[in-house]
PDB file of N, CA and C in Angstrom:
ATOM      1  N   MET A   1    -122.485  36.735 179.358  1.00  0.00           N
ATOM      2  CA  MET A   1    -123.196  37.030 178.128  1.00  0.00           C
ATOM      3  C   MET A   1    -122.971  35.927 177.101  1.00  0.00           C
ATOM      4  N   ARG A   2    -121.743  35.413 177.151  1.00  0.00           N
ATOM      5  CA  ARG A   2    -121.400  34.369 176.199  1.00  0.00           C
ATOM      6  C   ARG A   2    -122.211  33.100 176.469  1.00  0.00           C
ATOM      7  N   THR A   3    -122.420  32.769 177.699  1.00  0.00           N
ATOM      8  CA  THR A   3    -123.191  31.591 178.080  1.00  0.00           C
ATOM      9  C   THR A   3    -124.636  31.739 177.610  1.00  0.00           C
ATOM     10  N   PHE A   4    -125.161  32.929 177.784  1.00  0.00           N
ATOM     11  CA  PHE A   4    -126.526  33.191 177.332  1.00  0.00           C
ATOM     12  C   PHE A   4    -126.657  32.984 175.820  1.00  0.00           C
ATOM     13  N   LEU A   5    -125.676  33.448 175.059  1.00  0.00           N
ATOM     14  CA  LEU A   5    -125.680  33.280 173.604  1.00  0.00           C
ATOM     15  C   LEU A   5    -125.616  31.805 173.231  1.00  0.00           C
ATOM     16  N   PHE A   6    -124.807  31.021 173.917  1.00  0.00           N
ATOM     17  CA  PHE A   6    -124.723  29.573 173.662  1.00  0.00           C
ATOM     18  C   PHE A   6    -126.056  28.880 173.963  1.00  0.00           C
ATOM     19  N   ILE A   7    -126.700  29.275 175.048  1.00  0.00           N
ATOM     20  CA  ILE A   7    -127.981  28.668 175.422  1.00  0.00           C
ATOM     21  C   ILE A   7    -129.060  29.003 174.395  1.00  0.00           C
ATOM     22  N   VAL A   8    -129.114  30.264 173.954  1.00  0.00           N
ATOM     23  CA  VAL A   8    -130.104  30.685 172.947  1.00  0.00           C
ATOM     24  C   VAL A   8    -129.841  29.963 171.623  1.00  0.00           C
ATOM     25  N   THR A   9    -128.582  29.842 171.238  1.00  0.00           N
ATOM     26  CA  THR A   9    -128.238  29.148 170.004  1.00  0.00           C
ATOM     27  C   THR A   9    -128.621  27.675 170.097  1.00  0.00           C
ATOM     28  N   THR A  10    -128.343  27.051 171.223  1.00  0.00           N
ATOM     29  CA  THR A  10    -128.685  25.642 171.421  1.00  0.00           C
ATOM     30  C   THR A  10    -130.196  25.441 171.377  1.00  0.00           C
ATOM     31  N   LEU A  11    -130.944  26.315 172.026  1.00  0.00           N
ATOM     32  CA  LEU A  11    -132.402  26.229 171.986  1.00  0.00           C
ATOM     33  C   LEU A  11    -132.933  26.442 170.560  1.00  0.00           C
ATOM     34  N   GLY A  12    -132.322  27.346 169.815  1.00  0.00           N
ATOM     35  CA  GLY A  12    -132.717  27.571 168.418  1.00  0.00           C
ATOM     36  C   GLY A  12    -132.483  26.342 167.566  1.00  0.00           C
ATOM     37  N   VAL A  13    -131.332  25.706 167.752  1.00  0.00           N
ATOM     38  CA  VAL A  13    -131.014  24.486 166.999  1.00  0.00           C
ATOM     39  C   VAL A  13    -131.988  23.376 167.362  1.00  0.00           C
ATOM     40  N   ILE A  14    -132.322  23.242 168.626  1.00  0.00           N
ATOM     41  CA  ILE A  14    -133.279  22.216 169.056  1.00  0.00           C
ATOM     42  C   ILE A  14    -134.658  22.497 168.457  1.00  0.00           C
ATOM     43  N   ALA A  15    -135.066  23.764 168.467  1.00  0.00           N
ATOM     44  CA  ALA A  15    -136.374  24.131 167.894  1.00  0.00           C
ATOM     45  C   ALA A  15    -136.408  23.842 166.402  1.00  0.00           C
ATOM     46  N   LEU A  16    -135.331  24.176 165.689  1.00  0.00           N
ATOM     47  CA  LEU A  16    -135.279  23.893 164.250  1.00  0.00           C
ATOM     48  C   LEU A  16    -135.247  22.398 163.972  1.00  0.00           C
ATOM     49  N   ALA A  17    -134.558  21.634 164.829  1.00  0.00           N
ATOM     50  CA  ALA A  17    -134.533  20.176 164.656  1.00  0.00           C
ATOM     51  C   ALA A  17    -135.923  19.599 164.877  1.00  0.00           C
ATOM     52  N   PHE A  18    -136.644  20.090 165.877  1.00  0.00           N
ATOM     53  CA  PHE A  18    -138.005  19.629 166.132  1.00  0.00           C
ATOM     54  C   PHE A  18    -138.912  19.961 164.957  1.00  0.00           C
ATOM     55  N   TRP A  19    -138.784  21.183 164.413  1.00  0.00           N
ATOM     56  CA  TRP A  19    -139.590  21.588 163.252  1.00  0.00           C
ATOM     57  C   TRP A  19    -139.277  20.699 162.049  1.00  0.00           C
ATOM     58  N   ALA A  20    -137.991  20.443 161.787  1.00  0.00           N
ATOM     59  CA  ALA A  20    -137.596  19.602 160.657  1.00  0.00           C
ATOM     60  C   ALA A  20    -138.115  18.177 160.831  1.00  0.00           C
ATOM     61  N   TYR A  21    -138.102  17.678 162.058  1.00  0.00           N
ATOM     62  CA  TYR A  21    -138.606  16.341 162.363  1.00  0.00           C
ATOM     63  C   TYR A  21    -140.098  16.260 162.045  1.00  0.00           C
ATOM     64  N   ARG A  22    -140.859  17.248 162.472  1.00  0.00           N
ATOM     65  CA  ARG A  22    -142.313  17.267 162.197  1.00  0.00           C
ATOM     66  C   ARG A  22    -142.592  17.417 160.708  1.00  0.00           C
ATOM     67  N   GLU A  23    -141.850  18.265 160.030  1.00  0.00           N
ATOM     68  CA  GLU A  23    -142.050  18.452 158.591  1.00  0.00           C
ATOM     69  C   GLU A  23    -141.721  17.177 157.824  1.00  0.00           C
ATOM     70  N   ASN A  24    -140.707  16.449 158.261  1.00  0.00           N
ATOM     71  CA  ASN A  24    -140.334  15.189 157.617  1.00  0.00           C
ATOM     72  C   ASN A  24    -141.501  14.207 157.691  1.00  0.00           C
ATOM     73  N   TYR A  25    -142.095  14.055 158.857  1.00  0.00           N
ATOM     74  CA  TYR A  25    -143.210  13.119 159.000  1.00  0.00           C
ATOM     75  C   TYR A  25    -144.453  13.607 158.258  1.00  0.00           C
ATOM     76  N   ALA A  26    -144.672  14.913 158.231  1.00  0.00           N
ATOM     77  CA  ALA A  26    -145.811  15.451 157.474  1.00  0.00           C
ATOM     78  C   ALA A  26    -145.619  15.200 155.974  1.00  0.00           C
ATOM     79  N   THR A  27    -144.399  15.358 155.484  1.00  0.00           N
ATOM     80  CA  THR A  27    -144.097  15.098 154.079  1.00  0.00           C
ATOM     81  C   THR A  27    -144.277  13.620 153.748  1.00  0.00           C
ATOM     82  N   GLN A  28    -143.807  12.749 154.631  1.00  0.00           N
ATOM     83  CA  GLN A  28    -143.972  11.312 154.390  1.00  0.00           C
ATOM     84  C   GLN A  28    -145.447  10.926 154.379  1.00  0.00           C
ATOM     85  N   ALA A  29    -146.252  11.526 155.242  1.00  0.00           N
ATOM     86  CA  ALA A  29    -147.687  11.245 155.252  1.00  0.00           C
ATOM     87  C   ALA A  29    -148.343  11.737 153.965  1.00  0.00           C
ATOM     88  N   ALA A  30    -147.936  12.920 153.483  1.00  0.00           N
ATOM     89  CA  ALA A  30    -148.498  13.451 152.236  1.00  0.00           C
ATOM     90  C   ALA A  30    -148.106  12.564 151.055  1.00  0.00           C
ATOM     91  N   LEU A  31    -146.863  12.078 151.035  1.00  0.00           N
ATOM     92  CA  LEU A  31    -146.432  11.182 149.956  1.00  0.00           C
ATOM     93  C   LEU A  31    -147.193   9.861 149.991  1.00  0.00           C
ATOM     94  N   ALA A  32    -147.444   9.339 151.180  1.00  0.00           N
ATOM     95  CA  ALA A  32    -148.217   8.090 151.293  1.00  0.00           C
ATOM     96  C   ALA A  32    -149.649   8.302 150.811  1.00  0.00           C
ATOM     97  N   GLU A  33    -150.234   9.440 151.159  1.00  0.00           N
ATOM     98  CA  GLU A  33    -151.590   9.745 150.708  1.00  0.00           C
ATOM     99  C   GLU A  33    -151.634   9.904 149.186  1.00  0.00           C
ATOM    100  N   THR A  34    -150.610  10.534 148.628  1.00  0.00           N
ATOM    101  CA  THR A  34    -150.532  10.695 147.180  1.00  0.00           C
ATOM    102  C   THR A  34    -150.422   9.340 146.494  1.00  0.00           C
ATOM    103  N   ARG A  35    -149.600   8.449 147.046  1.00  0.00           N
ATOM    104  CA  ARG A  35    -149.474   7.097 146.491  1.00  0.00           C
ATOM    105  C   ARG A  35    -150.818   6.375 146.507  1.00  0.00           C
ATOM    106  N   GLU A  36    -151.517   6.502 147.615  1.00  0.00           N
ATOM    107  CA  GLU A  36    -152.823   5.845 147.749  1.00  0.00           C
ATOM    108  C   GLU A  36    -153.835   6.417 146.752  1.00  0.00           C
ATOM    109  N   LEU A  37    -153.833   7.735 146.590  1.00  0.00           N
ATOM    110  CA  LEU A  37    -154.743   8.361 145.625  1.00  0.00           C
ATOM    111  C   LEU A  37    -154.427   7.925 144.200  1.00  0.00           C
ATOM    112  N   ARG A  38    -153.148   7.816 143.869  1.00  0.00           N
ATOM    113  CA  ARG A  38    -152.777   7.362 142.527  1.00  0.00           C
ATOM    114  C   ARG A  38    -153.228   5.925 142.286  1.00  0.00           C
ATOM    115  N   GLN A  39    -153.136   5.089 143.309  1.00  0.00           N
ATOM    116  CA  GLN A  39    -153.622   3.719 143.166  1.00  0.00           C
ATOM    117  C   GLN A  39    -155.140   3.700 142.967  1.00  0.00           C
ATOM    118  N   ASP A  40    -155.851   4.554 143.690  1.00  0.00           N
ATOM    119  CA  ASP A  40    -157.301   4.644 143.508  1.00  0.00           C
ATOM    120  C   ASP A  40    -157.655   5.121 142.107  1.00  0.00           C
ATOM    121  N   ILE A  41    -156.916   6.114 141.606  1.00  0.00           N
ATOM    122  CA  ILE A  41    -157.161   6.623 140.255  1.00  0.00           C
ATOM    123  C   ILE A  41    -156.877   5.544 139.222  1.00  0.00           C
ATOM    124  N   ARG A  42    -155.792   4.802 139.409  1.00  0.00           N
ATOM    125  CA  ARG A  42    -155.447   3.727 138.491  1.00  0.00           C
ATOM    126  C   ARG A  42    -156.541   2.658 138.474  1.00  0.00           C
ATOM    127  N   ALA A  43    -157.055   2.310 139.653  1.00  0.00           N
ATOM    128  CA  ALA A  43    -158.133   1.318 139.742  1.00  0.00           C
ATOM    129  C   ALA A  43    -159.406   1.842 139.081  1.00  0.00           C
ATOM    130  N   ALA A  44    -159.695   3.128 139.253  1.00  0.00           N
ATOM    131  CA  ALA A  44    -160.882   3.713 138.620  1.00  0.00           C
ATOM    132  C   ALA A  44    -160.744   3.714 137.106  1.00  0.00           C
ATOM    133  N   HIS A  45    -159.533   3.999 136.588  1.00  0.00           N
ATOM    134  CA  HIS A  45    -159.312   3.958 135.137  1.00  0.00           C
ATOM    135  C   HIS A  45    -159.493   2.547 134.592  1.00  0.00           C
ATOM    136  N   GLU A  46    -158.988   1.556 135.333  1.00  0.00           N
ATOM    137  CA  GLU A  46    -159.154   0.170 134.885  1.00  0.00           C
ATOM    138  C   GLU A  46    -160.627  -0.212 134.865  1.00  0.00           C
ATOM    139  N   ARG A  47    -161.362   0.187 135.903  1.00  0.00           N
ATOM    140  CA  ARG A  47    -162.799  -0.116 135.954  1.00  0.00           C
ATOM    141  C   ARG A  47    -163.533   0.593 134.825  1.00  0.00           C
ATOM    142  N   LEU A  48    -163.168   1.834 134.555  1.00  0.00           N
ATOM    143  CA  LEU A  48    -163.808   2.577 133.475  1.00  0.00           C
ATOM    144  C   LEU A  48    -163.550   1.921 132.125  1.00  0.00           C
ATOM    145  N   SER A  49    -162.326   1.484 131.883  1.00  0.00           N
ATOM    146  CA  SER A  49    -162.036   0.826 130.609  1.00  0.00           C
ATOM    147  C   SER A  49    -162.801  -0.492 130.499  1.00  0.00           C
ATOM    148  N   MET A  50    -162.956  -1.210 131.617  1.00  0.00           N
ATOM    149  CA  MET A  50    -163.727  -2.447 131.593  1.00  0.00           C
ATOM    150  C   MET A  50    -165.208  -2.147 131.304  1.00  0.00           C
ATOM    151  N   LEU A  51    -165.750  -1.098 131.924  1.00  0.00           N
ATOM    152  CA  LEU A  51    -167.145  -0.730 131.675  1.00  0.00           C
ATOM    153  C   LEU A  51    -167.364  -0.284 130.231  1.00  0.00           C
ATOM    154  N   LYS A  52    -166.404   0.429 129.664  1.00  0.00           N
ATOM    155  CA  LYS A  52    -166.520   0.826 128.257  1.00  0.00           C
ATOM    156  C   LYS A  52    -166.521  -0.393 127.344  1.00  0.00           C
ATOM    157  N   ALA A  53    -165.670  -1.378 127.658  1.00  0.00           N
ATOM    158  CA  ALA A  53    -165.633  -2.603 126.852  1.00  0.00           C
ATOM    159  C   ALA A  53    -166.955  -3.361 126.972  1.00  0.00           C
ATOM    160  N   GLU A  54    -167.511  -3.447 128.182  1.00  0.00           N
ATOM    161  CA  GLU A  54    -168.800  -4.108 128.358  1.00  0.00           C
ATOM    162  C   GLU A  54    -169.906  -3.382 127.607  1.00  0.00           C
ATOM    163  N   TRP A  55    -169.886  -2.055 127.651  1.00  0.00           N
ATOM    164  CA  TRP A  55    -170.887  -1.255 126.947  1.00  0.00           C
ATOM    165  C   TRP A  55    -170.790  -1.495 125.441  1.00  0.00           C
ATOM    166  N   ALA A  56    -169.588  -1.523 124.923  1.00  0.00           N
ATOM    167  CA  ALA A  56    -169.410  -1.781 123.489  1.00  0.00           C
ATOM    168  C   ALA A  56    -169.886  -3.188 123.132  1.00  0.00           C
ATOM    169  N   TYR A  57    -169.629  -4.144 124.009  1.00  0.00           N
ATOM    170  CA  TYR A  57    -170.062  -5.521 123.758  1.00  0.00           C
ATOM    171  C   TYR A  57    -171.585  -5.624 123.777  1.00  0.00           C
ATOM    172  N   LEU A  58    -172.232  -4.961 124.723  1.00  0.00           N
ATOM    173  CA  LEU A  58    -173.684  -5.039 124.824  1.00  0.00           C
ATOM    174  C   LEU A  58    -174.397  -4.252 123.731  1.00  0.00           C
ATOM    175  N   ASN A  59    -173.741  -3.276 123.135  1.00  0.00           N
ATOM    176  CA  ASN A  59    -174.366  -2.454 122.096  1.00  0.00           C
ATOM    177  C   ASN A  59    -173.966  -2.876 120.686  1.00  0.00           C
ATOM    178  N   ARG A  60    -173.589  -4.123 120.516  1.00  0.00           N
ATOM    179  CA  ARG A  60    -173.283  -4.617 119.168  1.00  0.00           C
ATOM    180  C   ARG A  60    -174.553  -4.564 118.320  1.00  0.00           C
ATOM    181  N   PRO A  61    -174.462  -4.100 117.082  1.00  0.00           N
ATOM    182  CA  PRO A  61    -175.662  -3.997 116.235  1.00  0.00           C
ATOM    183  C   PRO A  61    -176.373  -5.334 116.038  1.00  0.00           C
ATOM    184  N   ASP A  62    -175.625  -6.431 115.850  1.00  0.00           N
ATOM    185  CA  ASP A  62    -176.293  -7.720 115.633  1.00  0.00           C
ATOM    186  C   ASP A  62    -177.041  -8.158 116.896  1.00  0.00           C
ATOM    187  N   ARG A  63    -176.490  -7.925 118.071  1.00  0.00           N
ATOM    188  CA  ARG A  63    -177.173  -8.273 119.322  1.00  0.00           C
ATOM    189  C   ARG A  63    -178.426  -7.432 119.500  1.00  0.00           C
ATOM    190  N   LEU A  64    -178.336  -6.123 119.251  1.00  0.00           N
ATOM    191  CA  LEU A  64    -179.499  -5.249 119.390  1.00  0.00           C
ATOM    192  C   LEU A  64    -180.583  -5.610 118.379  1.00  0.00           C
ATOM    193  N   ARG A  65    -180.170  -5.973 117.178  1.00  0.00           N
ATOM    194  CA  ARG A  65    -181.130  -6.384 116.152  1.00  0.00           C
ATOM    195  C   ARG A  65    -181.866  -7.645 116.599  1.00  0.00           C
ATOM    196  N   ASP A  66    -181.124  -8.624 117.140  1.00  0.00           N
ATOM    197  CA  ASP A  66    -181.745  -9.854 117.629  1.00  0.00           C
ATOM    198  C   ASP A  66    -182.704  -9.565 118.783  1.00  0.00           C
ATOM    199  N   LEU A  67    -182.308  -8.680 119.704  1.00  0.00           N
ATOM    200  CA  LEU A  67    -183.191  -8.331 120.818  1.00  0.00           C
ATOM    201  C   LEU A  67    -184.456  -7.632 120.335  1.00  0.00           C
ATOM    202  N   ALA A  68    -184.325  -6.773 119.323  1.00  0.00           N
ATOM    203  CA  ALA A  68    -185.503  -6.088 118.787  1.00  0.00           C
ATOM    204  C   ALA A  68    -186.446  -7.085 118.127  1.00  0.00           C
ATOM    205  N   GLU A  69    -185.892  -8.081 117.438  1.00  0.00           N
ATOM    206  CA  GLU A  69    -186.740  -9.096 116.808  1.00  0.00           C
ATOM    207  C   GLU A  69    -187.417  -9.975 117.850  1.00  0.00           C
ATOM    208  N   ILE A  70    -186.696 -10.343 118.897  1.00  0.00           N
ATOM    209  CA  ILE A  70    -187.262 -11.194 119.945  1.00  0.00           C
ATOM    210  C   ILE A  70    -188.400 -10.467 120.664  1.00  0.00           C
ATOM    211  N   ASN A  71    -188.227  -9.193 120.919  1.00  0.00           N
ATOM    212  CA  ASN A  71    -189.204  -8.416 121.687  1.00  0.00           C
ATOM    213  C   ASN A  71    -190.086  -7.539 120.806  1.00  0.00           C
ATOM    214  N   PHE A  72    -190.267  -7.918 119.546  1.00  0.00           N
ATOM    215  CA  PHE A  72    -191.049  -7.086 118.626  1.00  0.00           C
ATOM    216  C   PHE A  72    -192.497  -6.956 119.075  1.00  0.00           C
ATOM    217  N   ASP A  73    -193.083  -8.047 119.560  1.00  0.00           N
ATOM    218  CA  ASP A  73    -194.487  -7.996 119.957  1.00  0.00           C
ATOM    219  C   ASP A  73    -194.713  -7.060 121.147  1.00  0.00           C
ATOM    220  N   ARG A  74    -193.747  -6.918 122.047  1.00  0.00           N
ATOM    221  CA  ARG A  74    -193.892  -6.020 123.198  1.00  0.00           C
ATOM    222  C   ARG A  74    -193.459  -4.591 122.877  1.00  0.00           C
ATOM    223  N   LEU A  75    -192.370  -4.455 122.120  1.00  0.00           N
ATOM    224  CA  LEU A  75    -191.790  -3.117 121.902  1.00  0.00           C
ATOM    225  C   LEU A  75    -192.186  -2.500 120.576  1.00  0.00           C
ATOM    226  N   GLY A  76    -192.376  -3.305 119.567  1.00  0.00           N
ATOM    227  CA  GLY A  76    -192.718  -2.782 118.241  1.00  0.00           C
ATOM    228  C   GLY A  76    -191.579  -2.039 117.580  1.00  0.00           C
ATOM    229  N   LEU A  77    -190.330  -2.415 117.862  1.00  0.00           N
ATOM    230  CA  LEU A  77    -189.179  -1.737 117.280  1.00  0.00           C
ATOM    231  C   LEU A  77    -188.903  -2.283 115.885  1.00  0.00           C
ATOM    232  N   LEU A  78    -188.636  -1.405 114.963  1.00  0.00           N
ATOM    233  CA  LEU A  78    -188.282  -1.790 113.606  1.00  0.00           C
ATOM    234  C   LEU A  78    -186.821  -1.447 113.364  1.00  0.00           C
ATOM    235  N   PRO A  79    -186.155  -2.163 112.466  1.00  0.00           N
ATOM    236  CA  PRO A  79    -184.755  -1.814 112.179  1.00  0.00           C
ATOM    237  C   PRO A  79    -184.669  -0.459 111.477  1.00  0.00           C
ATOM    238  N   LEU A  80    -183.566   0.236 111.730  1.00  0.00           N
ATOM    239  CA  LEU A  80    -183.354   1.541 111.105  1.00  0.00           C
ATOM    240  C   LEU A  80    -182.967   1.370 109.647  1.00  0.00           C
ATOM    241  N   ARG A  81    -183.508   2.271 108.828  1.00  0.00           N
ATOM    242  CA  ARG A  81    -183.187   2.279 107.403  1.00  0.00           C
ATOM    243  C   ARG A  81    -182.698   3.679 107.039  1.00  0.00           C
ATOM    244  N   PRO A  82    -181.910   3.795 105.994  1.00  0.00           N
ATOM    245  CA  PRO A  82    -181.395   5.119 105.623  1.00  0.00           C
ATOM    246  C   PRO A  82    -182.490   6.117 105.270  1.00  0.00           C
ATOM    247  N   GLU A  83    -183.622   5.647 104.789  1.00  0.00           N
ATOM    248  CA  GLU A  83    -184.709   6.570 104.412  1.00  0.00           C
ATOM    249  C   GLU A  83    -185.330   7.252 105.628  1.00  0.00           C
ATOM    250  N   GLN A  84    -185.090   6.701 106.816  1.00  0.00           N
ATOM    251  CA  GLN A  84    -185.677   7.268 108.024  1.00  0.00           C
ATOM    252  C   GLN A  84    -184.921   8.498 108.526  1.00  0.00           C
ATOM    253  N   PHE A  85    -183.760   8.742 107.990  1.00  0.00           N
ATOM    254  CA  PHE A  85    -182.964   9.884 108.422  1.00  0.00           C
ATOM    255  C   PHE A  85    -183.226  11.067 107.502  1.00  0.00           C
ATOM    256  N   GLY A  86    -183.177  12.262 108.050  1.00  0.00           N
ATOM    257  CA  GLY A  86    -183.383  13.471 107.270  1.00  0.00           C
ATOM    258  C   GLY A  86    -182.059  14.132 106.937  1.00  0.00           C
ATOM    259  N   HIS A  87    -182.169  15.278 106.291  1.00  0.00           N
ATOM    260  CA  HIS A  87    -180.992  16.068 105.930  1.00  0.00           C
ATOM    261  C   HIS A  87    -180.873  17.242 106.893  1.00  0.00           C
ATOM    262  N   VAL A  88    -179.706  17.809 106.957  1.00  0.00           N
ATOM    263  CA  VAL A  88    -179.463  18.923 107.877  1.00  0.00           C
ATOM    264  C   VAL A  88    -180.325  20.120 107.514  1.00  0.00           C
ATOM    265  N   ASP A  89    -180.552  20.353 106.225  1.00  0.00           N
ATOM    266  CA  ASP A  89    -181.350  21.518 105.824  1.00  0.00           C
ATOM    267  C   ASP A  89    -182.833  21.348 106.173  1.00  0.00           C
ATOM    268  N   GLN A  90    -183.256  20.169 106.595  1.00  0.00           N
ATOM    269  CA  GLN A  90    -184.642  19.947 106.999  1.00  0.00           C
ATOM    270  C   GLN A  90    -184.865  20.222 108.485  1.00  0.00           C
ATOM    271  N   VAL A  91    -183.815  20.480 109.221  1.00  0.00           N
ATOM    272  CA  VAL A  91    -183.936  20.736 110.659  1.00  0.00           C
ATOM    273  C   VAL A  91    -184.446  22.150 110.866  1.00  0.00           C
ATOM    274  N   ALA A  92    -185.490  22.291 111.660  1.00  0.00           N
ATOM    275  CA  ALA A  92    -186.065  23.608 111.945  1.00  0.00           C
ATOM    276  C   ALA A  92    -185.379  24.189 113.178  1.00  0.00           C
ATOM    277  N   TYR A  93    -184.475  25.113 112.964  1.00  0.00           N
ATOM    278  CA  TYR A  93    -183.794  25.783 114.066  1.00  0.00           C
ATOM    279  C   TYR A  93    -184.647  26.945 114.548  1.00  0.00           C
ATOM    280  N   PRO A  94    -184.627  27.265 115.840  1.00  0.00           N
ATOM    281  CA  PRO A  94    -185.405  28.411 116.325  1.00  0.00           C
ATOM    282  C   PRO A  94    -184.807  29.709 115.796  1.00  0.00           C
ATOM    283  N   PRO A  95    -185.667  30.722 115.549  1.00  0.00           N
ATOM    284  CA  PRO A  95    -185.136  31.997 115.039  1.00  0.00           C
ATOM    285  C   PRO A  95    -184.289  32.692 116.102  1.00  0.00           C
ATOM    286  N   ASP A  96    -183.382  33.528 115.645  1.00  0.00           N
ATOM    287  CA  ASP A  96    -182.549  34.291 116.568  1.00  0.00           C
ATOM    288  C   ASP A  96    -183.430  35.292 117.324  1.00  0.00           C
ATOM    289  N   PRO A  97    -183.228  35.436 118.611  1.00  0.00           N
ATOM    290  CA  PRO A  97    -184.059  36.387 119.376  1.00  0.00           C
ATOM    291  C   PRO A  97    -183.723  37.821 118.977  1.00  0.00           C
ATOM    292  N   LEU A  98    -184.768  38.655 118.952  1.00  0.00           N
ATOM    293  CA  LEU A  98    -184.565  40.062 118.637  1.00  0.00           C
ATOM    294  C   LEU A  98    -184.075  40.787 119.882  1.00  0.00           C
ATOM    295  N   ILE A  99    -183.146  41.684 119.681  1.00  0.00           N
ATOM    296  CA  ILE A  99    -182.593  42.446 120.794  1.00  0.00           C
ATOM    297  C   ILE A  99    -183.444  43.694 120.986  1.00  0.00           C
ATOM    298  N   GLU A 100    -183.951  43.878 122.189  1.00  0.00           N
ATOM    299  CA  GLU A 100    -184.774  45.045 122.477  1.00  0.00           C
ATOM    300  C   GLU A 100    -183.869  46.216 122.847  1.00  0.00           C
ATOM    301  N   ILE A 101    -184.080  47.329 122.177  1.00  0.00           N
ATOM    302  CA  ILE A 101    -183.296  48.525 122.459  1.00  0.00           C
ATOM    303  C   ILE A 101    -184.106  49.389 123.412  1.00  0.00           C
ATOM    304  N   ALA A 102    -183.583  49.608 124.604  1.00  0.00           N
ATOM    305  CA  ALA A 102    -184.346  50.295 125.656  1.00  0.00           C
ATOM    306  C   ALA A 102    -184.131  51.809 125.627  1.00  0.00           C
ATOM    307  N   ASN A 103    -182.903  52.248 125.584  1.00  0.00           N
ATOM    308  CA  ASN A 103    -182.606  53.688 125.643  1.00  0.00           C
ATOM    309  C   ASN A 103    -182.151  54.165 124.277  1.00  0.00           C
ATOM    310  N   ILE A 104    -183.070  54.754 123.542  1.00  0.00           N
ATOM    311  CA  ILE A 104    -182.747  55.238 122.203  1.00  0.00           C
ATOM    312  C   ILE A 104    -182.223  56.666 122.324  1.00  0.00           C
ATOM    313  N   VAL A 105    -181.090  56.915 121.708  1.00  0.00           N
ATOM    314  CA  VAL A 105    -180.481  58.247 121.723  1.00  0.00           C
ATOM    315  C   VAL A 105    -180.539  58.777 120.299  1.00  0.00           C
ATOM    316  N   GLU A 106    -181.177  59.934 120.133  1.00  0.00           N
ATOM    317  CA  GLU A 106    -181.273  60.527 118.802  1.00  0.00           C
ATOM    318  C   GLU A 106    -180.063  61.413 118.561  1.00  0.00           C
ATOM    319  N   LEU A 107    -179.468  61.267 117.393  1.00  0.00           N
ATOM    320  CA  LEU A 107    -178.292  62.047 117.046  1.00  0.00           C
ATOM    321  C   LEU A 107    -178.668  63.052 115.969  1.00  0.00           C
ATOM    322  N   ALA A 108    -178.034  64.180 115.996  1.00  0.00           N
ATOM    323  CA  ALA A 108    -178.293  65.206 114.994  1.00  0.00           C
ATOM    324  C   ALA A 108    -177.638  64.800 113.687  1.00  0.00           C
ATOM    325  N   ASN A 109    -178.221  65.232 112.600  1.00  0.00           N
ATOM    326  CA  ASN A 109    -177.685  64.948 111.276  1.00  0.00           C
ATOM    327  C   ASN A 109    -176.361  65.691 111.122  1.00  0.00           C
ATOM    328  N   LEU A 110    -175.384  65.066 110.509  1.00  0.00           N
ATOM    329  CA  LEU A 110    -174.056  65.646 110.370  1.00  0.00           C
ATOM    330  C   LEU A 110    -174.097  66.922 109.540  1.00  0.00           C
ATOM    331  N   SER A 111    -174.918  66.964 108.497  1.00  0.00           N
ATOM    332  CA  SER A 111    -174.966  68.151 107.650  1.00  0.00           C
ATOM    333  C   SER A 111    -175.570  69.326 108.411  1.00  0.00           C
ATOM    334  N   GLU A 112    -176.542  69.091 109.296  1.00  0.00           N
ATOM    335  CA  GLU A 112    -177.124  70.177 110.094  1.00  0.00           C
ATOM    336  C   GLU A 112    -176.102  70.731 111.065  1.00  0.00           C
ATOM    337  N   THR A 113    -175.273  69.847 111.633  1.00  0.00           N
ATOM    338  CA  THR A 113    -174.256  70.295 112.592  1.00  0.00           C
ATOM    339  C   THR A 113    -173.210  71.126 111.893  1.00  0.00           C
ATOM    340  N   ASP A 114    -172.800  70.724 110.679  1.00  0.00           N
ATOM    341  CA  ASP A 114    -171.814  71.492 109.932  1.00  0.00           C
ATOM    342  C   ASP A 114    -172.346  72.867 109.564  1.00  0.00           C
ATOM    343  N   ALA A 115    -173.622  72.932 109.235  1.00  0.00           N
ATOM    344  CA  ALA A 115    -174.209  74.222 108.855  1.00  0.00           C
ATOM    345  C   ALA A 115    -174.258  75.178 110.052  1.00  0.00           C
ATOM    346  N   GLU A 116    -174.560  74.638 111.239  1.00  0.00           N
ATOM    347  CA  GLU A 116    -174.624  75.475 112.431  1.00  0.00           C
ATOM    348  C   GLU A 116    -173.230  75.975 112.815  1.00  0.00           C
ATOM    349  N   VAL A 117    -172.209  75.132 112.658  1.00  0.00           N
ATOM    350  CA  VAL A 117    -170.853  75.539 113.021  1.00  0.00           C
ATOM    351  C   VAL A 117    -170.361  76.610 112.061  1.00  0.00           C
ATOM    352  N   GLY A 118    -170.723  76.524 110.796  1.00  0.00           N
ATOM    353  CA  GLY A 118    -170.254  77.470 109.785  1.00  0.00           C
ATOM    354  C   GLY A 118    -170.861  78.844 109.957  1.00  0.00           C
ATOM    355  N   GLN A 119    -171.993  78.995 110.625  1.00  0.00           N
ATOM    356  CA  GLN A 119    -172.650  80.296 110.765  1.00  0.00           C
ATOM    357  C   GLN A 119    -172.029  81.167 111.785  1.00  0.00           C
TER     358      GLN A 119
END
């Protein structure tokens, strides 16, 4: 019986060692994938910041003004002036929608109910 217990214990230890070995490699693979994803995210952030800088450079008011003047005959764009803007109170907002009441329940008048209870 003792030999059987030693064999079962040895097999259990071997099985646990095999499981730990596989988990170790699975963890290392997950860490490598995480490292790679972080590098991709970092590269995407750098590209995004570069694109934002390019967008800001291309949308400079003096550059846009010059482009509008150069292409005036084709586009007919005029420079913006403060008089062209309106006020907030001039904005026509849509009216609030009316709520349709489908099931109307009529209630008895409180004074009529009190009179009936008192009789």
